[in-house]
Amino acid sequence: MSEPRARSARRPGRPRSQHFLRSRSLAAELVRDSGLGCDDLVLDLGAGTGRLTAELARVARRVVAVELDRGLASRLRRWENVEVVYADAAAVELPREPFRVVANLPFASTTAILRHLLDDPRVPLVRADVIVEWGVSVKRALPWPSTVNDVLWGAWYSTAVARRLPRSAFDPAPSVDAGVLLFERRAYPLVPEAQWQRYRGFVAGGFRRPHSVGLRAAPRDLDAHEWAGLFSRSRSSDAAASRRSSP
């Protein structure tokens, strides 16, 4: 990975599923709540009209504002510490150095963007404060992961809902309320980063065939810690079996 830069992307038309913050005061409050500091590199994914970008620029060392709509990107103000990148937020190249994300995500692209950020734990993301649909924020923050992605992300990130935002806070107003969803890197990962691909295969197999990985409950009944423990025991059993079969 290198510094963020634009990749080839589909030609955008009108912004889809983007609901911009109405007020500067709310944007400033969200940035303040994020705890962003003057030494931080932060990505604003789906920067839109730049409401959040402006407030991030007041606080962070460097801001990368990523916007797929060329018209919106061209109107983003160029502050000295802001780089505007015309690219798909779900495909933009991510930094090699530790970084933060504070962003109002396009609702239709939420899962794709989260996967881009969270699937590979070697990506040096420290924390993400992202605005998503309220139902998505609640689902992702539940202690019992409902999807393979949730289990995997839970091995390296803790998740919480910071607050609820009413539909009236956006322009145009979405059909549902939104929530601020937090992903924060764990000080001690539940699974070693070097084993992330093996862990993905293990979890995916467990969701398809629970008994194949020793599950006695439904996959969705286990939390991230229990999944990690099951994986660790499986690895220990495999290692023991290998030793017994060695000449």
C-alpha atoms as a PDB file:
ATOM      1  CA  MET A   1       0.000   0.000   0.000  1.00  0.00           C
ATOM      2  CA  SER A   2       1.077   3.567  -0.568  1.00  0.00           C
ATOM      3  CA  GLU A   3      -0.392   6.992  -0.098  1.00  0.00           C
ATOM      4  CA  PRO A   4      -4.069   7.243  -1.113  1.00  0.00           C
ATOM      5  CA  ARG A   5      -4.589   7.928  -4.782  1.00  0.00           C
ATOM      6  CA  ALA A   6      -7.405   7.673  -7.261  1.00  0.00           C
ATOM      7  CA  ARG A   7      -8.062   4.381  -8.983  1.00  0.00           C
ATOM      8  CA  SER A   8     -10.105   3.879 -12.091  1.00  0.00           C
ATOM      9  CA  ALA A   9     -13.741   3.857 -11.086  1.00  0.00           C
ATOM     10  CA  ARG A  10     -17.110   3.611 -12.709  1.00  0.00           C
ATOM     11  CA  ARG A  11     -18.385   6.875 -14.100  1.00  0.00           C
ATOM     12  CA  PRO A  12     -20.674   8.377 -11.479  1.00  0.00           C
ATOM     13  CA  GLY A  13     -23.974   9.998 -12.206  1.00  0.00           C
ATOM     14  CA  ARG A  14     -25.976  11.715  -9.527  1.00  0.00           C
ATOM     15  CA  PRO A  15     -24.884  10.887  -5.968  1.00  0.00           C
ATOM     16  CA  ARG A  16     -26.625   7.721  -4.876  1.00  0.00           C
ATOM     17  CA  SER A  17     -27.648   6.998  -1.297  1.00  0.00           C
ATOM     18  CA  GLN A  18     -25.733  10.062  -0.092  1.00  0.00           C
ATOM     19  CA  HIS A  19     -27.422  12.086   2.600  1.00  0.00           C
ATOM     20  CA  PHE A  20     -25.392  15.129   3.572  1.00  0.00           C
ATOM     21  CA  LEU A  21     -25.206  16.618   7.051  1.00  0.00           C
ATOM     22  CA  ARG A  22     -27.361  19.711   7.279  1.00  0.00           C
ATOM     23  CA  SER A  23     -25.449  21.689   9.871  1.00  0.00           C
ATOM     24  CA  ARG A  24     -21.873  22.673  10.515  1.00  0.00           C
ATOM     25  CA  SER A  25     -22.484  22.473  14.263  1.00  0.00           C
ATOM     26  CA  LEU A  26     -23.410  18.774  14.047  1.00  0.00           C
ATOM     27  CA  ALA A  27     -20.344  18.052  11.918  1.00  0.00           C
ATOM     28  CA  ALA A  28     -18.138  19.825  14.467  1.00  0.00           C
ATOM     29  CA  GLU A  29     -19.758  17.859  17.286  1.00  0.00           C
ATOM     30  CA  LEU A  30     -19.157  14.544  15.551  1.00  0.00           C
ATOM     31  CA  VAL A  31     -15.506  15.390  14.957  1.00  0.00           C
ATOM     32  CA  ARG A  32     -15.119  16.453  18.576  1.00  0.00           C
ATOM     33  CA  ASP A  33     -16.730  13.222  19.781  1.00  0.00           C
ATOM     34  CA  SER A  34     -14.306  11.191  17.665  1.00  0.00           C
ATOM     35  CA  GLY A  35     -11.379  12.353  19.796  1.00  0.00           C
ATOM     36  CA  LEU A  36      -9.334  13.132  16.704  1.00  0.00           C
ATOM     37  CA  GLY A  37      -5.968  14.737  17.452  1.00  0.00           C
ATOM     38  CA  CYS A  38      -3.535  17.099  15.775  1.00  0.00           C
ATOM     39  CA  ASP A  39      -1.165  14.239  14.895  1.00  0.00           C
ATOM     40  CA  ASP A  40      -3.789  12.099  13.151  1.00  0.00           C
ATOM     41  CA  LEU A  41      -4.154  11.167   9.509  1.00  0.00           C
ATOM     42  CA  VAL A  42      -7.891  10.812   8.805  1.00  0.00           C
ATOM     43  CA  LEU A  43      -9.899   9.653   5.796  1.00  0.00           C
ATOM     44  CA  ASP A  44     -13.296  11.176   4.980  1.00  0.00           C
ATOM     45  CA  LEU A  45     -14.860   8.505   2.758  1.00  0.00           C
ATOM     46  CA  GLY A  46     -17.713   9.826   0.662  1.00  0.00           C
ATOM     47  CA  ALA A  47     -16.849  13.419   1.467  1.00  0.00           C
ATOM     48  CA  GLY A  48     -19.791  14.822  -0.503  1.00  0.00           C
ATOM     49  CA  THR A  49     -20.281  18.525   0.094  1.00  0.00           C
ATOM     50  CA  GLY A  50     -17.355  18.684   2.517  1.00  0.00           C
ATOM     51  CA  ARG A  51     -19.280  19.453   5.692  1.00  0.00           C
ATOM     52  CA  LEU A  52     -17.248  16.931   7.687  1.00  0.00           C
ATOM     53  CA  THR A  53     -14.088  17.614   5.698  1.00  0.00           C
ATOM     54  CA  ALA A  54     -14.030  21.234   6.830  1.00  0.00           C
ATOM     55  CA  GLU A  55     -14.272  20.308  10.493  1.00  0.00           C
ATOM     56  CA  LEU A  56     -11.690  17.537  10.167  1.00  0.00           C
ATOM     57  CA  ALA A  57      -9.290  20.008   8.568  1.00  0.00           C
ATOM     58  CA  ARG A  58      -9.477  22.188  11.673  1.00  0.00           C
ATOM     59  CA  VAL A  59      -8.258  19.372  13.908  1.00  0.00           C
ATOM     60  CA  ALA A  60      -6.245  16.705  12.083  1.00  0.00           C
ATOM     61  CA  ARG A  61      -2.694  16.814  10.781  1.00  0.00           C
ATOM     62  CA  ARG A  62      -3.818  15.567   7.390  1.00  0.00           C
ATOM     63  CA  VAL A  63      -7.185  14.790   5.788  1.00  0.00           C
ATOM     64  CA  VAL A  64      -7.809  12.657   2.712  1.00  0.00           C
ATOM     65  CA  ALA A  65     -11.279  13.450   1.328  1.00  0.00           C
ATOM     66  CA  VAL A  66     -12.439  10.663  -0.997  1.00  0.00           C
ATOM     67  CA  GLU A  67     -15.380  11.371  -3.314  1.00  0.00           C
ATOM     68  CA  LEU A  68     -16.616   9.409  -6.332  1.00  0.00           C
ATOM     69  CA  ASP A  69     -18.871  12.105  -7.769  1.00  0.00           C
ATOM     70  CA  ARG A  70     -16.629  14.285  -9.930  1.00  0.00           C
ATOM     71  CA  GLY A  71     -18.845  17.350  -9.550  1.00  0.00           C
ATOM     72  CA  LEU A  72     -18.812  17.143  -5.767  1.00  0.00           C
ATOM     73  CA  ALA A  73     -15.089  16.373  -5.675  1.00  0.00           C
ATOM     74  CA  SER A  74     -14.299  19.405  -7.821  1.00  0.00           C
ATOM     75  CA  ARG A  75     -16.152  21.669  -5.390  1.00  0.00           C
ATOM     76  CA  LEU A  76     -14.420  20.437  -2.264  1.00  0.00           C
ATOM     77  CA  ARG A  77     -12.331  23.211  -0.799  1.00  0.00           C
ATOM     78  CA  ARG A  78      -8.579  22.669  -0.873  1.00  0.00           C
ATOM     79  CA  TRP A  79      -7.346  23.415   2.599  1.00  0.00           C
ATOM     80  CA  GLU A  80      -3.592  23.216   3.076  1.00  0.00           C
ATOM     81  CA  ASN A  81      -3.831  19.928   4.978  1.00  0.00           C
ATOM     82  CA  VAL A  82      -6.557  18.334   2.787  1.00  0.00           C
ATOM     83  CA  GLU A  83      -5.980  16.085  -0.218  1.00  0.00           C
ATOM     84  CA  VAL A  84      -9.055  15.522  -2.390  1.00  0.00           C
ATOM     85  CA  VAL A  85      -9.110  12.118  -4.084  1.00  0.00           C
ATOM     86  CA  TYR A  86     -11.564  11.329  -6.880  1.00  0.00           C
ATOM     87  CA  ALA A  87     -12.172   7.608  -6.307  1.00  0.00           C
ATOM     88  CA  ASP A  88     -14.524   4.921  -5.083  1.00  0.00           C
ATOM     89  CA  ALA A  89     -14.303   4.770  -1.273  1.00  0.00           C
ATOM     90  CA  ALA A  90     -14.682   0.991  -1.478  1.00  0.00           C
ATOM     91  CA  ALA A  91     -11.578   0.669  -3.646  1.00  0.00           C
ATOM     92  CA  VAL A  92      -9.305   3.621  -2.851  1.00  0.00           C
ATOM     93  CA  GLU A  93      -5.779   2.667  -1.873  1.00  0.00           C
ATOM     94  CA  LEU A  94      -5.382   2.872   1.884  1.00  0.00           C
ATOM     95  CA  PRO A  95      -2.428   4.392   3.776  1.00  0.00           C
ATOM     96  CA  ARG A  96       0.473   2.353   5.014  1.00  0.00           C
ATOM     97  CA  GLU A  97       0.776   4.408   8.177  1.00  0.00           C
ATOM     98  CA  PRO A  98      -1.757   4.307  11.052  1.00  0.00           C
ATOM     99  CA  PHE A  99      -4.899   6.236  10.158  1.00  0.00           C
ATOM    100  CA  ARG A 100      -8.391   7.096  11.325  1.00  0.00           C
ATOM    101  CA  VAL A 101     -11.697   7.298   9.476  1.00  0.00           C
ATOM    102  CA  VAL A 102     -14.447   9.799  10.251  1.00  0.00           C
ATOM    103  CA  ALA A 103     -17.066   9.660   7.535  1.00  0.00           C
ATOM    104  CA  ASN A 104     -20.702   9.851   6.540  1.00  0.00           C
ATOM    105  CA  LEU A 105     -20.842   6.749   4.347  1.00  0.00           C
ATOM    106  CA  PRO A 106     -23.094   6.453   1.283  1.00  0.00           C
ATOM    107  CA  PHE A 107     -25.709   4.033   2.615  1.00  0.00           C
ATOM    108  CA  ALA A 108     -25.768   1.792  -0.474  1.00  0.00           C
ATOM    109  CA  SER A 109     -21.989   1.276  -0.244  1.00  0.00           C
ATOM    110  CA  THR A 110     -21.718   0.709   3.508  1.00  0.00           C
ATOM    111  CA  THR A 111     -20.854  -2.990   3.461  1.00  0.00           C
ATOM    112  CA  ALA A 112     -18.378  -2.659   0.587  1.00  0.00           C
ATOM    113  CA  ILE A 113     -16.561   0.202   2.322  1.00  0.00           C
ATOM    114  CA  LEU A 114     -16.458  -1.592   5.666  1.00  0.00           C
ATOM    115  CA  ARG A 115     -15.062  -4.706   4.022  1.00  0.00           C
ATOM    116  CA  HIS A 116     -12.392  -2.605   2.323  1.00  0.00           C
ATOM    117  CA  LEU A 117     -11.364  -1.170   5.687  1.00  0.00           C
ATOM    118  CA  LEU A 118     -11.789  -4.149   8.000  1.00  0.00           C
ATOM    119  CA  ASP A 119     -11.361  -7.449   6.160  1.00  0.00           C
ATOM    120  CA  ASP A 120      -7.563  -7.452   6.252  1.00  0.00           C
ATOM    121  CA  PRO A 121      -6.257  -6.708   9.778  1.00  0.00           C
ATOM    122  CA  ARG A 122      -2.884  -5.729   8.333  1.00  0.00           C
ATOM    123  CA  VAL A 123      -4.474  -2.475   7.160  1.00  0.00           C
ATOM    124  CA  PRO A 124      -3.282  -0.010   9.848  1.00  0.00           C
ATOM    125  CA  LEU A 125      -6.724   1.380  10.687  1.00  0.00           C
ATOM    126  CA  VAL A 126      -6.787   2.597  14.285  1.00  0.00           C
ATOM    127  CA  ARG A 127     -10.426   3.617  14.589  1.00  0.00           C
ATOM    128  CA  ALA A 128     -13.401   4.354  12.353  1.00  0.00           C
ATOM    129  CA  ASP A 129     -16.337   6.604  13.287  1.00  0.00           C
ATOM    130  CA  VAL A 130     -18.836   6.099  10.481  1.00  0.00           C
ATOM    131  CA  ILE A 131     -22.412   7.245   9.925  1.00  0.00           C
ATOM    132  CA  VAL A 132     -24.592   4.404   8.642  1.00  0.00           C
ATOM    133  CA  GLU A 133     -28.267   3.475   8.636  1.00  0.00           C
ATOM    134  CA  TRP A 134     -29.585   2.981  12.173  1.00  0.00           C
ATOM    135  CA  GLY A 135     -30.483  -0.669  11.606  1.00  0.00           C
ATOM    136  CA  VAL A 136     -27.006  -1.375  10.276  1.00  0.00           C
ATOM    137  CA  SER A 137     -25.353   0.243  13.290  1.00  0.00           C
ATOM    138  CA  VAL A 138     -27.417  -1.828  15.729  1.00  0.00           C
ATOM    139  CA  LYS A 139     -26.807  -5.061  13.830  1.00  0.00           C
ATOM    140  CA  ARG A 140     -23.062  -4.531  13.566  1.00  0.00           C
ATOM    141  CA  ALA A 141     -22.687  -3.647  17.251  1.00  0.00           C
ATOM    142  CA  LEU A 142     -24.511  -6.694  18.635  1.00  0.00           C
ATOM    143  CA  PRO A 143     -22.234  -8.957  20.729  1.00  0.00           C
ATOM    144  CA  TRP A 144     -23.431 -11.982  18.728  1.00  0.00           C
ATOM    145  CA  PRO A 145     -22.169 -11.623  15.143  1.00  0.00           C
ATOM    146  CA  SER A 146     -24.805 -12.414  12.544  1.00  0.00           C
ATOM    147  CA  THR A 147     -22.495 -12.793   9.534  1.00  0.00           C
ATOM    148  CA  VAL A 148     -19.048 -14.126   8.695  1.00  0.00           C
ATOM    149  CA  ASN A 149     -17.832 -10.548   8.275  1.00  0.00           C
ATOM    150  CA  ASP A 150     -18.984  -9.573  11.763  1.00  0.00           C
ATOM    151  CA  VAL A 151     -17.109 -12.512  13.306  1.00  0.00           C
ATOM    152  CA  LEU A 152     -13.917 -11.681  11.430  1.00  0.00           C
ATOM    153  CA  TRP A 153     -14.002  -7.977  12.223  1.00  0.00           C
ATOM    154  CA  GLY A 154     -14.690  -8.750  15.879  1.00  0.00           C
ATOM    155  CA  ALA A 155     -11.369 -10.558  16.167  1.00  0.00           C
ATOM    156  CA  TRP A 156      -9.463  -7.306  15.641  1.00  0.00           C
ATOM    157  CA  TYR A 157     -11.956  -4.536  16.387  1.00  0.00           C
ATOM    158  CA  SER A 158     -14.414  -3.754  19.139  1.00  0.00           C
ATOM    159  CA  THR A 159     -17.692  -2.260  17.949  1.00  0.00           C
ATOM    160  CA  ALA A 160     -20.165   0.146  19.546  1.00  0.00           C
ATOM    161  CA  VAL A 161     -22.957   2.542  18.645  1.00  0.00           C
ATOM    162  CA  ALA A 162     -22.050   6.071  19.739  1.00  0.00           C
ATOM    163  CA  ARG A 163     -25.329   7.847  19.040  1.00  0.00           C
ATOM    164  CA  ARG A 164     -28.482   7.990  16.950  1.00  0.00           C
ATOM    165  CA  LEU A 165     -28.998  10.711  14.356  1.00  0.00           C
ATOM    166  CA  PRO A 166     -32.530  11.648  13.232  1.00  0.00           C
ATOM    167  CA  ARG A 167     -33.482  11.727   9.565  1.00  0.00           C
ATOM    168  CA  SER A 168     -33.956  15.467   9.872  1.00  0.00           C
ATOM    169  CA  ALA A 169     -30.195  15.887  10.362  1.00  0.00           C
ATOM    170  CA  PHE A 170     -29.591  15.110   6.669  1.00  0.00           C
ATOM    171  CA  ASP A 171     -30.271  16.664   3.296  1.00  0.00           C
ATOM    172  CA  PRO A 172     -31.897  14.985   1.504  1.00  0.00           C
ATOM    173  CA  ALA A 173     -33.501  13.185   4.427  1.00  0.00           C
ATOM    174  CA  PRO A 174     -33.166   9.384   4.244  1.00  0.00           C
ATOM    175  CA  SER A 175     -36.128   7.099   4.867  1.00  0.00           C
ATOM    176  CA  VAL A 176     -34.639   5.929   8.179  1.00  0.00           C
ATOM    177  CA  ASP A 177     -32.620   7.370  11.049  1.00  0.00           C
ATOM    178  CA  ALA A 178     -28.854   6.920  11.105  1.00  0.00           C
ATOM    179  CA  GLY A 179     -26.316   5.932  13.725  1.00  0.00           C
ATOM    180  CA  VAL A 180     -22.653   6.638  14.436  1.00  0.00           C
ATOM    181  CA  LEU A 181     -20.912   3.264  14.471  1.00  0.00           C
ATOM    182  CA  LEU A 182     -17.457   2.912  16.027  1.00  0.00           C
ATOM    183  CA  PHE A 183     -14.814   0.337  15.183  1.00  0.00           C
ATOM    184  CA  GLU A 184     -11.741   0.527  17.409  1.00  0.00           C
ATOM    185  CA  ARG A 185      -8.698  -1.694  17.036  1.00  0.00           C
ATOM    186  CA  ARG A 186      -8.229  -4.039  19.973  1.00  0.00           C
ATOM    187  CA  ALA A 187      -5.053  -3.604  21.984  1.00  0.00           C
ATOM    188  CA  TYR A 188      -4.807  -7.414  22.029  1.00  0.00           C
ATOM    189  CA  PRO A 189      -6.333  -9.132  18.984  1.00  0.00           C
ATOM    190  CA  LEU A 190      -8.403 -12.252  19.569  1.00  0.00           C
ATOM    191  CA  VAL A 191      -6.677 -13.984  16.637  1.00  0.00           C
ATOM    192  CA  PRO A 192      -3.091 -13.327  15.457  1.00  0.00           C
ATOM    193  CA  GLU A 193      -3.092 -11.121  12.363  1.00  0.00           C
ATOM    194  CA  ALA A 194      -0.842 -13.585  10.531  1.00  0.00           C
ATOM    195  CA  GLN A 195      -3.645 -16.169  10.690  1.00  0.00           C
ATOM    196  CA  TRP A 196      -6.408 -13.961   9.283  1.00  0.00           C
ATOM    197  CA  GLN A 197      -6.861 -15.889   6.019  1.00  0.00           C
ATOM    198  CA  ARG A 198      -6.979 -19.250   7.792  1.00  0.00           C
ATOM    199  CA  TYR A 199      -9.440 -17.773  10.285  1.00  0.00           C
ATOM    200  CA  ARG A 200     -11.688 -16.542   7.459  1.00  0.00           C
ATOM    201  CA  GLY A 201     -11.821 -20.055   6.028  1.00  0.00           C
ATOM    202  CA  PHE A 202     -12.542 -21.527   9.449  1.00  0.00           C
ATOM    203  CA  VAL A 203     -15.405 -19.124  10.162  1.00  0.00           C
ATOM    204  CA  ALA A 204     -16.902 -19.427   6.683  1.00  0.00           C
ATOM    205  CA  GLY A 205     -16.822 -23.215   7.042  1.00  0.00           C
ATOM    206  CA  GLY A 206     -18.469 -22.959  10.450  1.00  0.00           C
ATOM    207  CA  PHE A 207     -21.361 -20.928   9.044  1.00  0.00           C
ATOM    208  CA  ARG A 208     -21.872 -23.424   6.197  1.00  0.00           C
ATOM    209  CA  ARG A 209     -21.397 -26.620   8.236  1.00  0.00           C
ATOM    210  CA  PRO A 210     -21.425 -25.906  11.989  1.00  0.00           C
ATOM    211  CA  HIS A 211     -20.564 -29.461  13.028  1.00  0.00           C
ATOM    212  CA  SER A 212     -17.456 -29.466  10.846  1.00  0.00           C
ATOM    213  CA  VAL A 213     -15.732 -27.073  13.255  1.00  0.00           C
ATOM    214  CA  GLY A 214     -17.178 -28.565  16.442  1.00  0.00           C
ATOM    215  CA  LEU A 215     -20.040 -26.124  16.901  1.00  0.00           C
ATOM    216  CA  ARG A 216     -22.791 -27.351  19.191  1.00  0.00           C
ATOM    217  CA  ALA A 217     -24.806 -24.156  18.842  1.00  0.00           C
ATOM    218  CA  ALA A 218     -25.963 -22.038  15.935  1.00  0.00           C
ATOM    219  CA  PRO A 219     -23.106 -19.958  14.470  1.00  0.00           C
ATOM    220  CA  ARG A 220     -24.962 -16.747  15.344  1.00  0.00           C
ATOM    221  CA  ASP A 221     -25.159 -17.714  19.035  1.00  0.00           C
ATOM    222  CA  LEU A 222     -21.403 -17.317  19.589  1.00  0.00           C
ATOM    223  CA  ASP A 223     -19.707 -13.998  20.217  1.00  0.00           C
ATOM    224  CA  ALA A 224     -16.332 -12.955  18.802  1.00  0.00           C
ATOM    225  CA  HIS A 225     -14.418 -14.271  21.820  1.00  0.00           C
ATOM    226  CA  GLU A 226     -16.073 -17.692  21.576  1.00  0.00           C
ATOM    227  CA  TRP A 227     -15.328 -17.948  17.868  1.00  0.00           C
ATOM    228  CA  ALA A 228     -11.689 -17.070  18.486  1.00  0.00           C
ATOM    229  CA  GLY A 229     -11.481 -19.642  21.288  1.00  0.00           C
ATOM    230  CA  LEU A 230     -12.968 -22.313  19.040  1.00  0.00           C
ATOM    231  CA  PHE A 231     -10.402 -21.495  16.364  1.00  0.00           C
ATOM    232  CA  SER A 232      -7.535 -21.641  18.846  1.00  0.00           C
ATOM    233  CA  ARG A 233      -8.643 -25.060  20.130  1.00  0.00           C
ATOM    234  CA  SER A 234      -8.984 -26.312  16.582  1.00  0.00           C
ATOM    235  CA  ARG A 235      -5.451 -25.187  15.753  1.00  0.00           C
ATOM    236  CA  SER A 236      -4.117 -26.867  18.905  1.00  0.00           C
ATOM    237  CA  SER A 237      -5.917 -30.107  18.012  1.00  0.00           C
ATOM    238  CA  ASP A 238      -4.529 -30.037  14.484  1.00  0.00           C
ATOM    239  CA  ALA A 239      -1.015 -29.471  15.805  1.00  0.00           C
ATOM    240  CA  ALA A 240      -1.346 -32.345  18.284  1.00  0.00           C
ATOM    241  CA  ALA A 241      -2.644 -34.686  15.578  1.00  0.00           C
ATOM    242  CA  SER A 242       0.249 -33.715  13.332  1.00  0.00           C
ATOM    243  CA  ARG A 243       2.758 -34.511  16.071  1.00  0.00           C
ATOM    244  CA  ARG A 244       1.185 -37.929  16.692  1.00  0.00           C
ATOM    245  CA  SER A 245       1.317 -38.795  13.000  1.00  0.00           C
ATOM    246  CA  SER A 246       4.946 -37.715  12.603  1.00  0.00           C
ATOM    247  CA  PRO A 247       7.475 -40.599  12.437  1.00  0.00           C
END
